[in-house]
Amino acid sequence: MSDADWERRVADAWASIDERSEPEFLALIDGLAAELPPGSARAAFERACSLDSTGHSDRAVPLYREALEAGLTGENRRRAVIQMSSSLRNLGRPEESVALLTAELDAGSDHLDDAVRATLALALTDVGREREAVSLAVGALARHLPRYQRSMANYARLLIEPDPAQ
């Protein structure tokens, strides 16, 4: 089995999630993960994702942790942090989610930055930091607007910083 073949089969499995029953989908991902060596970070990650996507956040979180502790790297590492943080929030542990995502904002930058910010905004709302959450969400959205980017970025900043003109 080549890595490319395995990746294609995993992608095909994920593309079929809505066509399968939950047990069938979980078994499919578990079978693919079982093809990897014992202790594989990627295997734990795929299993976590499958559980998370089928509503089992409580079972997914330990597997995300296992994947991260086993050395998951690259985009999958960042996805694991985002997804685990979202699961923690759903499990009533938004403080942990805020801590993980705040650290993730400082860990580097890539195309998942806005996913980090969106998930962090939700967690901030759950811990009573709504103005900061809105600031983060509007600031992330501002870059994608066809107009008003500068104004929206300023409004986002002013939600959490006092206006120096006042």
C-alpha atoms as a PDB file:
ATOM      1  CA  MET A   1       0.000   0.000   0.000  1.00  0.00           C
ATOM      2  CA  SER A   2       1.370   3.395  -0.940  1.00  0.00           C
ATOM      3  CA  ASP A   3       0.872   6.491   1.167  1.00  0.00           C
ATOM      4  CA  ALA A   4      -0.924   8.149  -1.754  1.00  0.00           C
ATOM      5  CA  ASP A   5      -3.291   5.185  -2.072  1.00  0.00           C
ATOM      6  CA  TRP A   6      -4.075   5.259   1.658  1.00  0.00           C
ATOM      7  CA  GLU A   7      -4.663   9.031   1.577  1.00  0.00           C
ATOM      8  CA  ARG A   8      -6.998   8.612  -1.420  1.00  0.00           C
ATOM      9  CA  ARG A   9      -8.967   5.898   0.378  1.00  0.00           C
ATOM     10  CA  VAL A  10      -9.266   8.087   3.488  1.00  0.00           C
ATOM     11  CA  ALA A  11     -10.446  11.014   1.359  1.00  0.00           C
ATOM     12  CA  ASP A  12     -12.983   8.747  -0.368  1.00  0.00           C
ATOM     13  CA  ALA A  13     -14.216   7.502   3.006  1.00  0.00           C
ATOM     14  CA  TRP A  14     -14.741  11.056   4.238  1.00  0.00           C
ATOM     15  CA  ALA A  15     -16.509  11.982   0.998  1.00  0.00           C
ATOM     16  CA  SER A  16     -18.945   9.131   1.661  1.00  0.00           C
ATOM     17  CA  ILE A  17     -19.853  10.045   5.255  1.00  0.00           C
ATOM     18  CA  ASP A  18     -23.390  11.143   4.374  1.00  0.00           C
ATOM     19  CA  GLU A  19     -24.041   7.957   2.397  1.00  0.00           C
ATOM     20  CA  ARG A  20     -23.194   5.599   5.263  1.00  0.00           C
ATOM     21  CA  SER A  21     -24.733   4.732   8.596  1.00  0.00           C
ATOM     22  CA  GLU A  22     -22.786   5.904  11.630  1.00  0.00           C
ATOM     23  CA  PRO A  23     -21.555   2.400  12.563  1.00  0.00           C
ATOM     24  CA  GLU A  24     -20.546   1.711   8.959  1.00  0.00           C
ATOM     25  CA  PHE A  25     -18.616   4.974   8.680  1.00  0.00           C
ATOM     26  CA  LEU A  26     -16.875   4.513  12.036  1.00  0.00           C
ATOM     27  CA  ALA A  27     -15.889   0.969  11.065  1.00  0.00           C
ATOM     28  CA  LEU A  28     -14.564   2.168   7.710  1.00  0.00           C
ATOM     29  CA  ILE A  29     -12.325   4.820   9.316  1.00  0.00           C
ATOM     30  CA  ASP A  30     -11.274   2.420  12.053  1.00  0.00           C
ATOM     31  CA  GLY A  31     -10.263  -0.135   9.412  1.00  0.00           C
ATOM     32  CA  LEU A  32      -8.207   2.438   7.526  1.00  0.00           C
ATOM     33  CA  ALA A  33      -6.566   3.595  10.746  1.00  0.00           C
ATOM     34  CA  ALA A  34      -5.749  -0.023  11.644  1.00  0.00           C
ATOM     35  CA  GLU A  35      -3.614  -0.243   8.494  1.00  0.00           C
ATOM     36  CA  LEU A  36      -1.150   2.181  10.080  1.00  0.00           C
ATOM     37  CA  PRO A  37       1.514   1.132  12.589  1.00  0.00           C
ATOM     38  CA  PRO A  38       0.529   0.821  16.271  1.00  0.00           C
ATOM     39  CA  GLY A  39       0.805   4.166  18.069  1.00  0.00           C
ATOM     40  CA  SER A  40       0.346   6.113  14.826  1.00  0.00           C
ATOM     41  CA  ALA A  41      -0.567   9.754  15.407  1.00  0.00           C
ATOM     42  CA  ARG A  42      -2.459   9.805  12.132  1.00  0.00           C
ATOM     43  CA  ALA A  43      -4.522   6.747  13.075  1.00  0.00           C
ATOM     44  CA  ALA A  44      -5.569   8.360  16.368  1.00  0.00           C
ATOM     45  CA  PHE A  45      -6.374  11.585  14.506  1.00  0.00           C
ATOM     46  CA  GLU A  46      -8.589   9.886  11.911  1.00  0.00           C
ATOM     47  CA  ARG A  47     -10.418   7.953  14.600  1.00  0.00           C
ATOM     48  CA  ALA A  48     -10.930  11.169  16.603  1.00  0.00           C
ATOM     49  CA  CYS A  49     -12.259  12.987  13.556  1.00  0.00           C
ATOM     50  CA  SER A  50     -14.703  10.171  12.772  1.00  0.00           C
ATOM     51  CA  LEU A  51     -16.025  10.135  16.335  1.00  0.00           C
ATOM     52  CA  ASP A  52     -16.255  13.920  16.432  1.00  0.00           C
ATOM     53  CA  SER A  53     -18.095  14.050  13.114  1.00  0.00           C
ATOM     54  CA  THR A  54     -20.653  11.560  14.359  1.00  0.00           C
ATOM     55  CA  GLY A  55     -21.393  13.406  17.584  1.00  0.00           C
ATOM     56  CA  HIS A  56     -19.079  11.635  20.020  1.00  0.00           C
ATOM     57  CA  SER A  57     -16.978  14.557  21.254  1.00  0.00           C
ATOM     58  CA  ASP A  58     -16.398  12.820  24.577  1.00  0.00           C
ATOM     59  CA  ARG A  59     -14.688   9.888  22.842  1.00  0.00           C
ATOM     60  CA  ALA A  60     -12.885  12.095  20.316  1.00  0.00           C
ATOM     61  CA  VAL A  61     -11.020  14.343  22.782  1.00  0.00           C
ATOM     62  CA  PRO A  62      -8.788  11.600  24.227  1.00  0.00           C
ATOM     63  CA  LEU A  63      -7.888  10.475  20.710  1.00  0.00           C
ATOM     64  CA  TYR A  64      -7.024  14.034  19.643  1.00  0.00           C
ATOM     65  CA  ARG A  65      -4.757  14.247  22.697  1.00  0.00           C
ATOM     66  CA  GLU A  66      -3.207  10.895  21.819  1.00  0.00           C
ATOM     67  CA  ALA A  67      -2.552  12.053  18.246  1.00  0.00           C
ATOM     68  CA  LEU A  68      -0.938  15.281  19.410  1.00  0.00           C
ATOM     69  CA  GLU A  69       1.172  13.501  22.028  1.00  0.00           C
ATOM     70  CA  ALA A  70       2.271  10.961  19.387  1.00  0.00           C
ATOM     71  CA  GLY A  71       3.673  13.798  17.264  1.00  0.00           C
ATOM     72  CA  LEU A  72       0.959  14.660  14.757  1.00  0.00           C
ATOM     73  CA  THR A  73       2.412  17.330  12.453  1.00  0.00           C
ATOM     74  CA  GLY A  74       1.514  19.856   9.805  1.00  0.00           C
ATOM     75  CA  GLU A  75      -2.021  20.738   8.878  1.00  0.00           C
ATOM     76  CA  ASN A  76      -3.411  17.696  10.676  1.00  0.00           C
ATOM     77  CA  ARG A  77      -1.839  18.880  13.944  1.00  0.00           C
ATOM     78  CA  ARG A  78      -3.551  22.238  13.578  1.00  0.00           C
ATOM     79  CA  ARG A  79      -6.831  20.608  12.628  1.00  0.00           C
ATOM     80  CA  ALA A  80      -6.574  18.393  15.721  1.00  0.00           C
ATOM     81  CA  VAL A  81      -6.148  21.453  17.956  1.00  0.00           C
ATOM     82  CA  ILE A  82      -9.103  23.254  16.347  1.00  0.00           C
ATOM     83  CA  GLN A  83     -11.367  20.217  16.425  1.00  0.00           C
ATOM     84  CA  MET A  84     -10.396  19.171  19.954  1.00  0.00           C
ATOM     85  CA  SER A  85     -10.994  22.731  21.144  1.00  0.00           C
ATOM     86  CA  SER A  86     -14.433  22.722  19.568  1.00  0.00           C
ATOM     87  CA  SER A  87     -15.190  19.377  21.209  1.00  0.00           C
ATOM     88  CA  LEU A  88     -14.017  20.642  24.586  1.00  0.00           C
ATOM     89  CA  ARG A  89     -16.333  23.618  24.189  1.00  0.00           C
ATOM     90  CA  ASN A  90     -19.216  21.282  23.333  1.00  0.00           C
ATOM     91  CA  LEU A  91     -18.408  19.249  26.447  1.00  0.00           C
ATOM     92  CA  GLY A  92     -18.758  22.340  28.654  1.00  0.00           C
ATOM     93  CA  ARG A  93     -15.028  23.018  28.977  1.00  0.00           C
ATOM     94  CA  PRO A  94     -14.702  26.328  27.117  1.00  0.00           C
ATOM     95  CA  GLU A  95     -11.820  27.556  29.303  1.00  0.00           C
ATOM     96  CA  GLU A  96      -9.640  24.724  27.970  1.00  0.00           C
ATOM     97  CA  SER A  97     -10.767  25.575  24.460  1.00  0.00           C
ATOM     98  CA  VAL A  98      -9.815  29.245  24.904  1.00  0.00           C
ATOM     99  CA  ALA A  99      -6.387  28.305  26.265  1.00  0.00           C
ATOM    100  CA  LEU A 100      -5.614  25.888  23.418  1.00  0.00           C
ATOM    101  CA  LEU A 101      -6.812  28.227  20.672  1.00  0.00           C
ATOM    102  CA  THR A 102      -5.093  31.291  22.111  1.00  0.00           C
ATOM    103  CA  ALA A 103      -1.837  29.357  22.107  1.00  0.00           C
ATOM    104  CA  GLU A 104      -2.572  28.166  18.576  1.00  0.00           C
ATOM    105  CA  LEU A 105      -2.889  31.762  17.342  1.00  0.00           C
ATOM    106  CA  ASP A 106       0.683  32.316  18.510  1.00  0.00           C
ATOM    107  CA  ALA A 107       1.973  29.016  17.077  1.00  0.00           C
ATOM    108  CA  GLY A 108       2.157  30.142  13.468  1.00  0.00           C
ATOM    109  CA  SER A 109      -0.028  31.161  10.599  1.00  0.00           C
ATOM    110  CA  ASP A 110      -1.598  29.298   7.701  1.00  0.00           C
ATOM    111  CA  HIS A 111      -4.855  28.938   5.793  1.00  0.00           C
ATOM    112  CA  LEU A 112      -6.595  27.664   8.956  1.00  0.00           C
ATOM    113  CA  ASP A 113      -6.112  30.927  10.875  1.00  0.00           C
ATOM    114  CA  ASP A 114      -9.726  31.976  10.432  1.00  0.00           C
ATOM    115  CA  ALA A 115     -10.953  28.561  11.592  1.00  0.00           C
ATOM    116  CA  VAL A 116      -8.871  29.041  14.744  1.00  0.00           C
ATOM    117  CA  ARG A 117     -10.368  32.501  15.221  1.00  0.00           C
ATOM    118  CA  ALA A 118     -13.955  31.394  14.560  1.00  0.00           C
ATOM    119  CA  THR A 119     -13.685  28.528  17.043  1.00  0.00           C
ATOM    120  CA  LEU A 120     -11.996  30.793  19.571  1.00  0.00           C
ATOM    121  CA  ALA A 121     -14.777  33.381  19.159  1.00  0.00           C
ATOM    122  CA  LEU A 122     -17.358  30.735  20.054  1.00  0.00           C
ATOM    123  CA  ALA A 123     -15.362  29.635  23.101  1.00  0.00           C
ATOM    124  CA  LEU A 124     -14.863  33.249  24.220  1.00  0.00           C
ATOM    125  CA  THR A 125     -18.622  33.733  24.114  1.00  0.00           C
ATOM    126  CA  ASP A 126     -19.049  30.715  26.367  1.00  0.00           C
ATOM    127  CA  VAL A 127     -16.688  32.191  28.970  1.00  0.00           C
ATOM    128  CA  GLY A 128     -18.436  35.584  28.969  1.00  0.00           C
ATOM    129  CA  ARG A 129     -15.966  37.474  26.781  1.00  0.00           C
ATOM    130  CA  GLU A 130     -18.460  38.445  24.091  1.00  0.00           C
ATOM    131  CA  ARG A 131     -16.857  41.759  23.022  1.00  0.00           C
ATOM    132  CA  GLU A 132     -13.544  40.000  22.459  1.00  0.00           C
ATOM    133  CA  ALA A 133     -15.352  37.249  20.538  1.00  0.00           C
ATOM    134  CA  VAL A 134     -17.096  39.708  18.236  1.00  0.00           C
ATOM    135  CA  SER A 135     -13.841  41.604  17.747  1.00  0.00           C
ATOM    136  CA  LEU A 136     -12.075  38.413  16.730  1.00  0.00           C
ATOM    137  CA  ALA A 137     -14.853  37.345  14.363  1.00  0.00           C
ATOM    138  CA  VAL A 138     -15.220  40.759  12.699  1.00  0.00           C
ATOM    139  CA  GLY A 139     -11.453  41.089  12.379  1.00  0.00           C
ATOM    140  CA  ALA A 140     -11.233  37.692  10.673  1.00  0.00           C
ATOM    141  CA  LEU A 141     -14.160  38.488   8.400  1.00  0.00           C
ATOM    142  CA  ALA A 142     -12.776  41.914   7.437  1.00  0.00           C
ATOM    143  CA  ARG A 143     -10.008  40.396   5.282  1.00  0.00           C
ATOM    144  CA  HIS A 144     -12.577  38.621   3.123  1.00  0.00           C
ATOM    145  CA  LEU A 145     -14.856  41.574   2.401  1.00  0.00           C
ATOM    146  CA  PRO A 146     -14.778  43.162  -1.058  1.00  0.00           C
ATOM    147  CA  ARG A 147     -14.970  46.596   0.585  1.00  0.00           C
ATOM    148  CA  TYR A 148     -14.760  48.110   4.077  1.00  0.00           C
ATOM    149  CA  GLN A 149     -11.811  45.954   5.164  1.00  0.00           C
ATOM    150  CA  ARG A 150     -10.055  48.866   6.864  1.00  0.00           C
ATOM    151  CA  SER A 151     -13.197  50.140   8.599  1.00  0.00           C
ATOM    152  CA  MET A 152     -14.221  46.701   9.846  1.00  0.00           C
ATOM    153  CA  ALA A 153     -10.699  45.967  11.099  1.00  0.00           C
ATOM    154  CA  ASN A 154     -10.772  49.263  13.020  1.00  0.00           C
ATOM    155  CA  TYR A 155     -14.215  48.539  14.460  1.00  0.00           C
ATOM    156  CA  ALA A 156     -13.006  45.107  15.555  1.00  0.00           C
ATOM    157  CA  ARG A 157     -10.012  46.669  17.300  1.00  0.00           C
ATOM    158  CA  LEU A 158     -12.160  49.311  19.004  1.00  0.00           C
ATOM    159  CA  LEU A 159     -14.393  46.639  20.530  1.00  0.00           C
ATOM    160  CA  ILE A 160     -11.528  45.653  22.802  1.00  0.00           C
ATOM    161  CA  GLU A 161      -9.323  48.758  22.869  1.00  0.00           C
ATOM    162  CA  PRO A 162     -10.459  52.199  23.995  1.00  0.00           C
ATOM    163  CA  ASP A 163     -10.677  54.813  21.260  1.00  0.00           C
ATOM    164  CA  PRO A 164      -7.641  57.115  21.755  1.00  0.00           C
ATOM    165  CA  ALA A 165      -9.680  60.074  20.445  1.00  0.00           C
ATOM    166  CA  GLN A 166     -12.024  59.866  23.434  1.00  0.00           C
END
